[in-house]
C-alpha atoms as a PDB file:
ATOM      1  CA  MET A   1     147.453 193.809 -61.492  1.00  0.00           C
ATOM      2  CA  GLU A   2     150.882 195.226 -60.829  1.00  0.00           C
ATOM      3  CA  THR A   3     151.328 198.745 -59.598  1.00  0.00           C
ATOM      4  CA  GLN A   4     154.317 200.613 -60.836  1.00  0.00           C
ATOM      5  CA  GLN A   5     156.151 202.762 -58.384  1.00  0.00           C
ATOM      6  CA  GLU A   6     157.815 205.950 -59.394  1.00  0.00           C
ATOM      7  CA  PRO A   7     161.594 205.744 -59.210  1.00  0.00           C
ATOM      8  CA  GLU A   8     162.941 207.469 -56.163  1.00  0.00           C
ATOM      9  CA  ALA A   9     164.844 210.682 -56.595  1.00  0.00           C
ATOM     10  CA  PRO A  10     168.554 210.311 -55.994  1.00  0.00           C
ATOM     11  CA  SER A  11     169.133 210.643 -52.284  1.00  0.00           C
ATOM     12  CA  VAL A  12     171.348 213.437 -51.114  1.00  0.00           C
ATOM     13  CA  SER A  13     173.361 212.853 -47.959  1.00  0.00           C
ATOM     14  CA  PRO A  14     172.053 215.215 -45.274  1.00  0.00           C
ATOM     15  CA  TYR A  15     175.621 215.817 -44.146  1.00  0.00           C
ATOM     16  CA  ILE A  16     176.817 216.803 -47.617  1.00  0.00           C
ATOM     17  CA  ALA A  17     173.726 218.996 -48.033  1.00  0.00           C
ATOM     18  CA  GLY A  18     174.478 220.545 -44.638  1.00  0.00           C
ATOM     19  CA  ILE A  19     178.137 221.255 -45.291  1.00  0.00           C
ATOM     20  CA  THR A  20     177.431 222.739 -48.718  1.00  0.00           C
ATOM     21  CA  ALA A  21     174.171 224.469 -47.573  1.00  0.00           C
ATOM     22  CA  ARG A  22     172.273 223.033 -50.528  1.00  0.00           C
ATOM     23  CA  CYS A  23     168.726 221.754 -50.995  1.00  0.00           C
ATOM     24  CA  PRO A  24     168.138 218.517 -49.021  1.00  0.00           C
ATOM     25  CA  LYS A  25     166.119 217.066 -51.919  1.00  0.00           C
ATOM     26  CA  CYS A  26     168.181 217.777 -55.055  1.00  0.00           C
ATOM     27  CA  GLY A  27     171.498 218.902 -53.567  1.00  0.00           C
ATOM     28  CA  LYS A  28     171.825 221.699 -56.126  1.00  0.00           C
ATOM     29  CA  GLY A  29     169.713 224.693 -55.087  1.00  0.00           C
ATOM     30  CA  LYS A  30     170.887 227.088 -52.406  1.00  0.00           C
ATOM     31  CA  LEU A  31     169.291 226.684 -48.977  1.00  0.00           C
ATOM     32  CA  PHE A  32     169.958 230.198 -47.651  1.00  0.00           C
ATOM     33  CA  ARG A  33     169.434 233.671 -49.022  1.00  0.00           C
ATOM     34  CA  GLY A  34     172.196 235.891 -47.774  1.00  0.00           C
ATOM     35  CA  GLY A  35     173.654 234.789 -44.466  1.00  0.00           C
ATOM     36  CA  LEU A  36     171.381 232.620 -42.340  1.00  0.00           C
ATOM     37  CA  GLY A  37     167.957 233.442 -43.801  1.00  0.00           C
ATOM     38  CA  LEU A  38     166.160 230.412 -45.194  1.00  0.00           C
ATOM     39  CA  ARG A  39     164.749 230.616 -48.723  1.00  0.00           C
ATOM     40  CA  GLU A  40     161.045 229.976 -49.347  1.00  0.00           C
ATOM     41  CA  ALA A  41     161.782 227.114 -51.763  1.00  0.00           C
ATOM     42  CA  CYS A  42     164.564 225.561 -53.820  1.00  0.00           C
ATOM     43  CA  ASP A  43     165.199 227.487 -57.035  1.00  0.00           C
ATOM     44  CA  VAL A  44     166.178 224.254 -58.846  1.00  0.00           C
ATOM     45  CA  CYS A  45     163.640 221.566 -57.832  1.00  0.00           C
ATOM     46  CA  GLY A  46     160.968 223.724 -56.178  1.00  0.00           C
ATOM     47  CA  GLN A  47     161.089 221.936 -52.802  1.00  0.00           C
ATOM     48  CA  SER A  48     159.300 224.102 -50.229  1.00  0.00           C
ATOM     49  CA  TYR A  49     161.186 224.880 -47.030  1.00  0.00           C
ATOM     50  CA  ALA A  50     158.038 225.997 -45.195  1.00  0.00           C
ATOM     51  CA  ALA A  51     158.105 222.987 -42.836  1.00  0.00           C
ATOM     52  CA  ALA A  52     161.819 223.384 -42.046  1.00  0.00           C
ATOM     53  CA  ASP A  53     162.350 224.609 -38.498  1.00  0.00           C
ATOM     54  CA  PRO A  54     165.670 223.828 -36.846  1.00  0.00           C
ATOM     55  CA  GLY A  55     164.693 225.881 -33.785  1.00  0.00           C
ATOM     56  CA  ASP A  56     167.435 226.607 -31.257  1.00  0.00           C
ATOM     57  CA  GLY A  57     169.323 223.357 -31.876  1.00  0.00           C
ATOM     58  CA  PRO A  58     172.072 224.800 -34.088  1.00  0.00           C
ATOM     59  CA  ALA A  59     172.730 227.647 -31.644  1.00  0.00           C
ATOM     60  CA  VAL A  60     173.065 225.270 -28.696  1.00  0.00           C
ATOM     61  CA  PHE A  61     175.469 223.001 -30.570  1.00  0.00           C
ATOM     62  CA  ALA A  62     177.448 226.019 -31.797  1.00  0.00           C
ATOM     63  CA  ILE A  63     177.780 227.407 -28.266  1.00  0.00           C
ATOM     64  CA  PHE A  64     179.206 224.141 -26.961  1.00  0.00           C
ATOM     65  CA  ILE A  65     181.564 223.609 -29.914  1.00  0.00           C
ATOM     66  CA  LEU A  66     182.777 227.229 -30.044  1.00  0.00           C
ATOM     67  CA  GLY A  67     183.163 227.399 -26.281  1.00  0.00           C
ATOM     68  CA  PHE A  68     185.456 224.394 -26.372  1.00  0.00           C
ATOM     69  CA  VAL A  69     187.468 225.574 -29.391  1.00  0.00           C
ATOM     70  CA  ILE A  70     187.810 229.254 -28.461  1.00  0.00           C
ATOM     71  CA  LEU A  71     188.465 228.742 -24.761  1.00  0.00           C
ATOM     72  CA  GLY A  72     190.895 225.914 -25.503  1.00  0.00           C
ATOM     73  CA  GLY A  73     192.715 228.062 -28.045  1.00  0.00           C
ATOM     74  CA  ALA A  74     192.854 231.060 -25.715  1.00  0.00           C
ATOM     75  CA  LEU A  75     194.206 228.980 -22.833  1.00  0.00           C
ATOM     76  CA  TRP A  76     196.738 227.241 -25.045  1.00  0.00           C
ATOM     77  CA  LEU A  77     197.945 230.583 -26.448  1.00  0.00           C
ATOM     78  CA  GLU A  78     198.136 232.176 -23.003  1.00  0.00           C
ATOM     79  CA  PHE A  79     200.141 229.400 -21.374  1.00  0.00           C
ATOM     80  CA  ARG A  80     202.305 228.568 -24.389  1.00  0.00           C
ATOM     81  CA  VAL A  81     203.143 232.063 -25.679  1.00  0.00           C
ATOM     82  CA  GLY A  82     201.882 234.509 -23.035  1.00  0.00           C
ATOM     83  CA  PRO A  83     200.906 237.364 -25.389  1.00  0.00           C
ATOM     84  CA  PRO A  84     199.619 240.753 -24.202  1.00  0.00           C
ATOM     85  CA  VAL A  85     195.881 241.104 -23.550  1.00  0.00           C
ATOM     86  CA  TRP A  86     195.286 243.099 -26.746  1.00  0.00           C
ATOM     87  CA  VAL A  87     196.371 240.063 -28.807  1.00  0.00           C
ATOM     88  CA  HIS A  88     193.673 237.952 -27.146  1.00  0.00           C
ATOM     89  CA  VAL A  89     191.045 240.650 -27.659  1.00  0.00           C
ATOM     90  CA  LEU A  90     191.942 241.123 -31.323  1.00  0.00           C
ATOM     91  CA  LEU A  91     192.398 237.441 -32.183  1.00  0.00           C
ATOM     92  CA  TRP A  92     189.415 235.943 -30.363  1.00  0.00           C
ATOM     93  CA  GLY A  93     187.225 239.001 -30.914  1.00  0.00           C
ATOM     94  CA  VAL A  94     187.528 238.519 -34.677  1.00  0.00           C
ATOM     95  CA  LEU A  95     187.754 234.726 -34.818  1.00  0.00           C
ATOM     96  CA  THR A  96     184.721 234.002 -32.601  1.00  0.00           C
ATOM     97  CA  PRO A  97     182.012 235.730 -34.709  1.00  0.00           C
ATOM     98  CA  VAL A  98     183.494 234.450 -37.977  1.00  0.00           C
ATOM     99  CA  LEU A  99     183.578 230.850 -36.738  1.00  0.00           C
ATOM    100  CA  ALA A 100     180.123 231.245 -35.184  1.00  0.00           C
ATOM    101  CA  PHE A 101     178.614 232.383 -38.491  1.00  0.00           C
ATOM    102  CA  PHE A 102     180.026 229.494 -40.514  1.00  0.00           C
ATOM    103  CA  LEU A 103     179.325 226.922 -37.816  1.00  0.00           C
ATOM    104  CA  LEU A 104     175.719 228.111 -37.420  1.00  0.00           C
ATOM    105  CA  ARG A 105     175.251 227.957 -41.177  1.00  0.00           C
ATOM    106  CA  VAL A 106     176.507 224.362 -41.395  1.00  0.00           C
ATOM    107  CA  LEU A 107     174.612 223.186 -38.313  1.00  0.00           C
ATOM    108  CA  LYS A 108     171.351 224.843 -39.381  1.00  0.00           C
ATOM    109  CA  ALA A 109     171.588 223.376 -42.891  1.00  0.00           C
ATOM    110  CA  THR A 110     172.427 219.922 -41.515  1.00  0.00           C
ATOM    111  CA  LEU A 111     169.493 219.920 -39.086  1.00  0.00           C
ATOM    112  CA  ILE A 112     167.135 221.003 -41.865  1.00  0.00           C
ATOM    113  CA  ALA A 113     168.470 218.287 -44.177  1.00  0.00           C
ATOM    114  CA  LEU A 114     168.040 215.685 -41.415  1.00  0.00           C
ATOM    115  CA  GLN A 115     164.455 216.867 -40.881  1.00  0.00           C
ATOM    116  CA  PHE A 116     163.726 216.324 -44.567  1.00  0.00           C
ATOM    117  CA  LYS A 117     165.441 212.936 -44.640  1.00  0.00           C
ATOM    118  CA  HIS A 118     163.492 211.609 -41.661  1.00  0.00           C
ATOM    119  CA  LYS A 119     160.274 213.441 -42.609  1.00  0.00           C
ATOM    120  CA  ALA A 120     160.188 215.129 -39.207  1.00  0.00           C
ATOM    121  CA  GLU A 121     157.265 217.411 -38.597  1.00  0.00           C
ATOM    122  CA  GLU A 122     155.424 219.044 -35.765  1.00  0.00           C
ATOM    123  CA  GLY A 123     153.659 216.582 -33.475  1.00  0.00           C
ATOM    124  CA  ARG A 124     149.883 216.395 -33.527  1.00  0.00           C
ATOM    125  CA  LEU A 125     147.468 215.173 -30.909  1.00  0.00           C
ATOM    126  CA  THR A 126     144.454 213.139 -31.908  1.00  0.00           C
ATOM    127  CA  LEU A 127     141.568 212.923 -29.539  1.00  0.00           C
ATOM    128  CA  THR A 128     139.787 209.594 -29.370  1.00  0.00           C
ATOM    129  CA  GLN A 129     136.432 209.030 -27.779  1.00  0.00           C
END
């Protein structure tokens, strides 16, 4: 007797889902409500996001990436142009939080999509006797 398998749902690239901040299952529903707050479930396919927990990973990656970009840009500007201090304060004081928000959003969405793709979940211990 043959068993029929259900056709698999079209796979969404976790990187595309991360960049667009869309549902890792269908690729259509929004992942976040507002800024960085995760929705309860997808409003298109109903996928629950209860198991999604990117933890501190996105923040760590963002710190390293932003540190490199912002510090590199500030040093380049200082040694190439030599602007007054207020230019640095204004430019990097505005650019840093804006870049941090968008980078955190992309990194958080990508880590969540990768968790769904690889079916990552919290580890469990089983006791054997």
